[in-house]
């Protein structure tokens, strides 16, 4: 594989929020995402945003200003809460991360649980939560690797 552009991981993703400015602020507080780039348009509308967590990049924007060009871009709020994409993020301390998300108002869908995928795989501990617009996020910490 050829190298990626500087500062870009092999895979990144985009999410759409009806209120991107609120989403940027909210995602930073409970989840620890860091703002890398924010592009404002007319009337301080967020045209594009890049948030990072480690080497991962999450881009976000509003589906409202893209409806003609990209009619398939939607927030879960526009789809009665349906999700077409969910995120999984590895964190150092799932319990502390969950507590921080709960205090910030995240909807905890599944409390921290340990899952053992069998001797050929791994065991991890994770939880599932929803953000204010209904995107679902899974946060996990690796507990053990095979043979370890």
Protein backbone atom coordinates (compact mmCIF):
# COMPACT_ATOMS: atom_id res chain seq x y z
CA UNK A 1 0.00 0.00 0.00
CA UNK A 2 1.12 3.52 -0.72
CA UNK A 3 1.42 5.85 2.28
CA UNK A 4 -1.52 8.06 3.18
CA UNK A 5 -1.32 11.86 3.02
CA UNK A 6 0.46 13.34 6.08
CA UNK A 7 -1.83 13.37 9.12
CA UNK A 8 -4.42 11.01 7.64
CA UNK A 9 -5.11 7.46 8.82
CA UNK A 10 -5.86 4.67 6.37
CA UNK A 11 -9.58 4.95 7.22
CA UNK A 12 -11.58 7.94 8.41
CA UNK A 13 -15.31 8.61 8.57
CA UNK A 14 -17.92 11.36 8.28
CA UNK A 15 -20.98 11.96 10.42
CA UNK A 16 -23.82 14.39 9.82
CA UNK A 17 -25.43 16.53 12.51
CA UNK A 18 -28.29 19.01 12.22
CA UNK A 19 -26.31 21.25 14.61
CA UNK A 20 -22.61 20.65 13.86
CA UNK A 21 -21.39 23.44 16.18
CA UNK A 22 -23.17 21.85 19.15
CA UNK A 23 -21.93 18.40 18.10
CA UNK A 24 -18.31 19.57 17.94
CA UNK A 25 -18.50 20.95 21.47
CA UNK A 26 -20.33 17.91 22.80
CA UNK A 27 -18.06 15.29 21.19
CA UNK A 28 -14.98 16.96 22.66
CA UNK A 29 -16.23 16.98 26.27
CA UNK A 30 -17.32 13.40 26.98
CA UNK A 31 -15.38 11.51 24.32
CA UNK A 32 -12.08 13.40 24.39
CA UNK A 33 -12.05 14.11 20.64
CA UNK A 34 -9.78 16.99 19.67
CA UNK A 35 -10.58 19.70 17.14
CA UNK A 36 -8.12 19.64 14.24
CA UNK A 37 -9.93 21.79 11.68
CA UNK A 38 -13.12 23.80 11.52
CA UNK A 39 -14.22 25.58 8.34
CA UNK A 40 -16.98 28.15 8.71
CA UNK A 41 -19.13 29.43 5.87
CA UNK A 42 -21.77 32.14 5.71
CA UNK A 43 -23.52 33.05 8.96
CA UNK A 44 -20.92 31.02 10.92
CA UNK A 45 -22.30 27.78 9.46
CA UNK A 46 -19.90 24.83 9.86
CA UNK A 47 -18.98 23.71 6.34
CA UNK A 48 -16.48 21.04 7.42
CA UNK A 49 -14.88 19.87 10.63
CA UNK A 50 -12.19 17.34 11.52
CA UNK A 51 -11.94 15.85 15.00
CA UNK A 52 -9.21 13.43 16.01
CA UNK A 53 -8.76 10.73 18.60
CA UNK A 54 -5.23 9.36 18.50
CA UNK A 55 -4.57 8.82 14.81
CA UNK A 56 -8.27 8.45 13.94
CA UNK A 57 -10.17 11.22 12.14
CA UNK A 58 -13.91 11.90 12.34
CA UNK A 59 -15.19 14.52 9.92
CA UNK A 60 -18.57 16.12 10.43
CA UNK A 61 -20.94 18.59 8.91
CA UNK A 62 -24.59 19.35 8.38
CA UNK A 63 -26.76 17.41 5.94
CA UNK A 64 -28.98 20.48 5.53
CA UNK A 65 -26.61 22.43 3.30
CA UNK A 66 -25.76 19.34 1.22
CA UNK A 67 -29.24 17.99 0.48
CA UNK A 68 -29.15 18.80 -3.25
CA UNK A 69 -25.67 17.46 -3.89
CA UNK A 70 -25.69 14.59 -1.38
CA UNK A 71 -29.32 13.61 -0.66
CA UNK A 72 -28.23 10.45 1.17
CA UNK A 73 -26.41 12.32 3.99
CA UNK A 74 -28.62 12.36 7.08
CA UNK A 75 -28.52 12.73 10.84
CA UNK A 76 -30.24 9.98 12.87
CA UNK A 77 -32.69 12.72 13.92
CA UNK A 78 -33.89 12.84 10.33
CA UNK A 79 -34.33 9.05 10.25
CA UNK A 80 -36.36 8.49 13.43
CA UNK A 81 -33.14 7.54 15.24
CA UNK A 82 -31.92 5.00 12.67
CA UNK A 83 -28.15 4.64 12.33
CA UNK A 84 -26.46 3.69 9.11
CA UNK A 85 -22.98 3.83 10.58
CA UNK A 86 -21.66 3.31 14.10
CA UNK A 87 -18.24 3.98 15.58
CA UNK A 88 -15.97 1.78 17.65
CA UNK A 89 -13.11 3.47 19.49
CA UNK A 90 -10.46 1.88 21.72
CA UNK A 91 -9.77 3.89 24.89
CA UNK A 92 -7.37 3.32 27.77
CA UNK A 93 -9.96 3.13 30.57
CA UNK A 94 -13.52 2.17 29.63
CA UNK A 95 -14.92 2.74 33.14
CA UNK A 96 -13.56 6.30 33.38
CA UNK A 97 -14.61 7.04 29.80
CA UNK A 98 -18.15 5.81 30.46
CA UNK A 99 -18.39 7.89 33.64
CA UNK A 100 -17.24 11.00 31.75
CA UNK A 101 -19.76 10.36 28.96
CA UNK A 102 -22.59 9.81 31.48
CA UNK A 103 -21.84 13.11 33.26
CA UNK A 104 -21.86 14.92 29.89
CA UNK A 105 -25.33 13.56 29.15
CA UNK A 106 -24.59 10.65 26.81
CA UNK A 107 -27.34 8.06 26.69
CA UNK A 108 -25.71 4.87 27.95
CA UNK A 109 -27.32 2.14 25.86
CA UNK A 110 -25.23 -0.72 27.24
CA UNK A 111 -23.26 -0.52 30.49
CA UNK A 112 -19.58 -1.59 30.49
CA UNK A 113 -19.46 -5.31 29.86
CA UNK A 114 -16.61 -7.77 29.37
CA UNK A 115 -16.84 -9.88 26.21
CA UNK A 116 -14.65 -12.93 25.57
CA UNK A 117 -14.42 -13.77 21.87
CA UNK A 118 -12.72 -17.11 22.48
CA UNK A 119 -9.19 -18.49 22.64
CA UNK A 120 -8.28 -17.51 19.07
CA UNK A 121 -9.25 -13.87 19.53
CA UNK A 122 -9.35 -11.54 22.54
CA UNK A 123 -11.34 -10.27 25.46
CA UNK A 124 -12.39 -6.66 25.74
CA UNK A 125 -14.51 -4.47 27.97
CA UNK A 126 -16.78 -1.89 26.45
CA UNK A 127 -19.95 0.12 26.51
CA UNK A 128 -22.36 1.59 23.97
CA UNK A 129 -23.79 5.08 24.10
CA UNK A 130 -25.72 7.53 21.98
CA UNK A 131 -24.84 11.15 21.35
CA UNK A 132 -27.39 14.01 21.35
CA UNK A 133 -28.39 13.43 17.71
CA UNK A 134 -28.61 9.65 18.04
CA UNK A 135 -25.34 8.38 16.57
CA UNK A 136 -24.21 5.22 18.39
CA UNK A 137 -20.65 4.87 19.66
CA UNK A 138 -18.90 1.83 21.18
CA UNK A 139 -15.89 2.43 23.39
CA UNK A 140 -13.68 -0.51 24.34
CA UNK A 141 -10.49 -1.39 26.17
CA UNK A 142 -8.58 -4.52 25.23
CA UNK A 143 -8.46 -6.86 28.20
CA UNK A 144 -6.34 -9.75 26.92
CA UNK A 145 -4.85 -11.05 23.70
CA UNK A 146 -4.74 -14.71 22.59
CA UNK A 147 -2.25 -16.77 24.57
CA UNK A 148 -1.70 -13.85 26.96
